[in-house]
Amino acid sequence: MVFNWIKNRTEQSIFGVFDYVGERFGIQSSKMRLYFIYTTFFTLGSPLILYFITLFWLNIKRNLRKTHISVFN
């Protein structure tokens, strides 16, 4: 039980890129992480660029939603 709590807490705090993409495409985030690790080793780190671009895009999207103020409120 403690292990699951630590695992969930860690996965939530590591940006949530794989969770977001997994939900969008209907793929388990654990499988996506595993494939990401394999492709990173085979391609000498080039998927990291795509990961950081997605991370940047998600952070901007979250910040825009937080600061968006409706006219009708």
N, C-alpha and C. Protein backbone atom coordinates (compact mmCIF):
# COMPACT_ATOMS: atom_id res chain seq x y z
N MET A 1 0.82 -1.19 0.00
CA MET A 1 0.00 0.00 0.00
C MET A 1 0.87 1.26 0.00
N VAL A 2 1.91 1.25 0.81
CA VAL A 2 2.80 2.41 0.85
C VAL A 2 3.53 2.54 -0.48
N PHE A 3 3.90 1.40 -1.07
CA PHE A 3 4.58 1.43 -2.36
C PHE A 3 3.70 2.06 -3.44
N ASN A 4 2.43 1.70 -3.47
CA ASN A 4 1.51 2.28 -4.45
C ASN A 4 1.33 3.78 -4.23
N TRP A 5 1.29 4.20 -2.97
CA TRP A 5 1.15 5.62 -2.68
C TRP A 5 2.38 6.39 -3.18
N ILE A 6 3.56 5.84 -2.92
CA ILE A 6 4.79 6.49 -3.37
C ILE A 6 4.85 6.52 -4.90
N LYS A 7 4.46 5.42 -5.53
CA LYS A 7 4.46 5.35 -6.99
C LYS A 7 3.51 6.39 -7.59
N ASN A 8 2.30 6.46 -7.07
CA ASN A 8 1.32 7.43 -7.58
C ASN A 8 1.77 8.86 -7.36
N ARG A 9 2.32 9.12 -6.20
CA ARG A 9 2.79 10.47 -5.87
C ARG A 9 3.93 10.89 -6.79
N THR A 10 4.85 9.95 -7.05
CA THR A 10 5.98 10.24 -7.93
C THR A 10 5.52 10.48 -9.35
N GLU A 11 4.60 9.65 -9.84
CA GLU A 11 4.12 9.81 -11.20
C GLU A 11 3.37 11.12 -11.39
N GLN A 12 2.66 11.57 -10.37
CA GLN A 12 1.95 12.84 -10.48
C GLN A 12 2.90 14.02 -10.48
N SER A 13 4.00 13.89 -9.75
CA SER A 13 4.90 15.03 -9.62
C SER A 13 5.90 15.14 -10.76
N ILE A 14 6.00 14.12 -11.60
CA ILE A 14 6.94 14.19 -12.71
C ILE A 14 6.21 14.66 -13.95
N PHE A 15 5.68 15.82 -13.89
CA PHE A 15 5.15 16.59 -15.00
C PHE A 15 3.88 16.05 -15.64
N GLY A 16 3.62 14.77 -15.64
CA GLY A 16 2.40 14.22 -16.20
C GLY A 16 2.33 14.18 -17.71
N VAL A 17 3.46 14.23 -18.39
CA VAL A 17 3.45 14.22 -19.85
C VAL A 17 2.93 12.88 -20.36
N PHE A 18 3.42 11.78 -19.81
CA PHE A 18 2.99 10.47 -20.29
C PHE A 18 1.55 10.18 -19.90
N ASP A 19 1.11 10.68 -18.76
CA ASP A 19 -0.30 10.51 -18.38
C ASP A 19 -1.21 11.24 -19.36
N TYR A 20 -0.84 12.45 -19.73
CA TYR A 20 -1.65 13.24 -20.65
C TYR A 20 -1.73 12.57 -22.03
N VAL A 21 -0.56 12.20 -22.56
CA VAL A 21 -0.52 11.59 -23.89
C VAL A 21 -1.21 10.23 -23.87
N GLY A 22 -1.03 9.48 -22.79
CA GLY A 22 -1.68 8.18 -22.67
C GLY A 22 -3.19 8.28 -22.64
N GLU A 23 -3.71 9.27 -21.95
CA GLU A 23 -5.16 9.48 -21.93
C GLU A 23 -5.68 9.88 -23.30
N ARG A 24 -4.93 10.71 -23.99
CA ARG A 24 -5.37 11.17 -25.31
C ARG A 24 -5.44 10.03 -26.33
N PHE A 25 -4.48 9.09 -26.26
CA PHE A 25 -4.41 8.01 -27.24
C PHE A 25 -4.91 6.67 -26.71
N GLY A 26 -5.31 6.60 -25.45
CA GLY A 26 -5.83 5.37 -24.89
C GLY A 26 -4.78 4.31 -24.63
N ILE A 27 -3.57 4.74 -24.26
CA ILE A 27 -2.47 3.83 -23.99
C ILE A 27 -2.09 3.98 -22.52
N GLN A 28 -1.71 2.88 -21.88
CA GLN A 28 -1.29 2.94 -20.48
C GLN A 28 0.00 3.75 -20.38
N SER A 29 0.06 4.61 -19.37
CA SER A 29 1.24 5.47 -19.23
C SER A 29 2.48 4.67 -18.88
N SER A 30 2.33 3.54 -18.18
CA SER A 30 3.51 2.73 -17.85
C SER A 30 4.14 2.14 -19.10
N LYS A 31 3.32 1.72 -20.07
CA LYS A 31 3.86 1.20 -21.33
C LYS A 31 4.53 2.31 -22.12
N MET A 32 3.96 3.50 -22.08
CA MET A 32 4.57 4.62 -22.79
C MET A 32 5.92 4.96 -22.20
N ARG A 33 6.03 4.94 -20.88
CA ARG A 33 7.32 5.21 -20.24
C ARG A 33 8.35 4.17 -20.64
N LEU A 34 7.96 2.91 -20.67
CA LEU A 34 8.87 1.84 -21.04
C LEU A 34 9.34 2.00 -22.49
N TYR A 35 8.42 2.26 -23.41
CA TYR A 35 8.80 2.48 -24.80
C TYR A 35 9.68 3.72 -24.95
N PHE A 36 9.41 4.73 -24.17
CA PHE A 36 10.21 5.94 -24.22
C PHE A 36 11.65 5.65 -23.80
N ILE A 37 11.81 4.87 -22.75
CA ILE A 37 13.15 4.52 -22.29
C ILE A 37 13.88 3.71 -23.36
N TYR A 38 13.21 2.74 -23.96
CA TYR A 38 13.84 1.93 -25.01
C TYR A 38 14.24 2.78 -26.21
N THR A 39 13.33 3.63 -26.67
CA THR A 39 13.66 4.44 -27.84
C THR A 39 14.74 5.47 -27.54
N THR A 40 14.79 5.94 -26.31
CA THR A 40 15.84 6.88 -25.94
C THR A 40 17.21 6.22 -26.02
N PHE A 41 17.31 4.98 -25.55
CA PHE A 41 18.58 4.28 -25.64
C PHE A 41 18.96 3.94 -27.07
N PHE A 42 17.98 3.53 -27.87
CA PHE A 42 18.28 3.13 -29.24
C PHE A 42 18.60 4.31 -30.14
N THR A 43 18.04 5.47 -29.87
CA THR A 43 18.26 6.63 -30.74
C THR A 43 19.18 7.67 -30.10
N LEU A 44 19.85 7.27 -29.04
CA LEU A 44 20.84 8.12 -28.38
C LEU A 44 20.27 9.43 -27.84
N GLY A 45 19.06 9.39 -27.30
CA GLY A 45 18.51 10.53 -26.59
C GLY A 45 17.66 11.49 -27.37
N SER A 46 17.42 11.25 -28.64
CA SER A 46 16.65 12.22 -29.41
C SER A 46 15.18 12.35 -28.97
N PRO A 47 14.51 11.33 -28.40
CA PRO A 47 13.14 11.55 -27.92
C PRO A 47 13.04 12.53 -26.76
N LEU A 48 14.15 12.81 -26.11
CA LEU A 48 14.12 13.78 -25.01
C LEU A 48 13.71 15.17 -25.51
N ILE A 49 14.08 15.49 -26.73
CA ILE A 49 13.70 16.78 -27.31
C ILE A 49 12.18 16.86 -27.43
N LEU A 50 11.57 15.80 -27.95
CA LEU A 50 10.12 15.75 -28.07
C LEU A 50 9.45 15.81 -26.70
N TYR A 51 10.03 15.14 -25.71
CA TYR A 51 9.49 15.15 -24.36
C TYR A 51 9.51 16.56 -23.78
N PHE A 52 10.61 17.29 -23.94
CA PHE A 52 10.69 18.64 -23.39
C PHE A 52 9.77 19.61 -24.12
N ILE A 53 9.58 19.42 -25.42
CA ILE A 53 8.64 20.27 -26.16
C ILE A 53 7.22 20.04 -25.64
N THR A 54 6.85 18.76 -25.42
CA THR A 54 5.53 18.44 -24.89
C THR A 54 5.36 18.97 -23.48
N LEU A 55 6.40 18.87 -22.68
CA LEU A 55 6.37 19.40 -21.31
C LEU A 55 6.14 20.90 -21.32
N PHE A 56 6.85 21.61 -22.16
CA PHE A 56 6.70 23.05 -22.26
C PHE A 56 5.29 23.42 -22.70
N TRP A 57 4.75 22.70 -23.70
CA TRP A 57 3.42 22.97 -24.21
C TRP A 57 2.36 22.73 -23.14
N LEU A 58 2.49 21.64 -22.36
CA LEU A 58 1.52 21.35 -21.31
C LEU A 58 1.55 22.39 -20.20
N ASN A 59 2.74 22.86 -19.85
CA ASN A 59 2.83 23.88 -18.80
C ASN A 59 2.20 25.19 -19.25
N ILE A 60 2.40 25.56 -20.49
CA ILE A 60 1.76 26.78 -21.00
C ILE A 60 0.24 26.61 -21.02
N LYS A 61 -0.22 25.44 -21.44
CA LYS A 61 -1.66 25.17 -21.48
C LYS A 61 -2.28 25.26 -20.09
N ARG A 62 -1.59 24.68 -19.08
CA ARG A 62 -2.09 24.75 -17.70
C ARG A 62 -2.12 26.19 -17.19
N ASN A 63 -1.09 26.95 -17.49
CA ASN A 63 -1.03 28.34 -17.02
C ASN A 63 -2.10 29.20 -17.69
N LEU A 64 -2.38 28.95 -18.95
CA LEU A 64 -3.44 29.71 -19.62
C LEU A 64 -4.80 29.40 -19.02
N ARG A 65 -5.03 28.16 -18.66
CA ARG A 65 -6.32 27.81 -18.05
C ARG A 65 -6.47 28.43 -16.67
N LYS A 66 -5.38 28.54 -15.92
CA LYS A 66 -5.44 29.13 -14.58
C LYS A 66 -5.68 30.63 -14.64
N THR A 67 -5.09 31.29 -15.62
CA THR A 67 -5.19 32.75 -15.67
C THR A 67 -6.37 33.24 -16.49
N HIS A 68 -7.06 32.34 -17.16
CA HIS A 68 -8.20 32.74 -17.99
C HIS A 68 -9.36 33.17 -17.09
N ILE A 69 -9.80 34.37 -17.27
CA ILE A 69 -10.92 34.92 -16.50
C ILE A 69 -12.09 35.13 -17.45
N SER A 70 -13.20 34.56 -17.09
CA SER A 70 -14.37 34.69 -17.94
C SER A 70 -14.99 36.06 -17.77
N VAL A 71 -15.59 36.55 -18.83
CA VAL A 71 -16.27 37.84 -18.79
C VAL A 71 -17.53 37.76 -17.94
N PHE A 72 -18.15 36.60 -17.90
CA PHE A 72 -19.43 36.44 -17.25
C PHE A 72 -19.32 36.14 -15.75
N ASN A 73 -18.10 35.99 -15.21
CA ASN A 73 -17.97 35.73 -13.76
C ASN A 73 -18.04 36.98 -12.95
